[in-house]
């Protein structure tokens, strides 16, 4: 069994698509639009079959969560970049491009080498090596 995809509501569909394409080499499908519902989405495919669905619909309210606090429910998406040097390089690149680094890069107590960054809408991304 495998997880088929994870879905994420977004306020700016094109910005988020560009971010994941630019920094994580995501490959988008053609944009799906349902004009009756005011809904649009992309499926972004990553190496080895993982997919992220980005969805936008005007009637979805903004999240009330504080991006700096953790709460029950899904909290981050982890990307395994293959090695520590790639974690360092992408973390530095995202930082230089103005994205916030929440933590790391560092070695965790359970042996991971990781950093935690925020995407353009404040979603946590864990970069592991």
Foldseek 3Di string as FASTA:
>chain_A
DDDQEEEDEDADAVLQVCQCCVLQVWDWDPWDDDVVQQKIWIWTAHPPRYIYIYMYGPVDDDDPDDLLDDDPDDQEAEDEPPDLVSQVVSVVVCVVVPWAWNDDQDADPVGWRWTWTAGPVSGIYIYTD
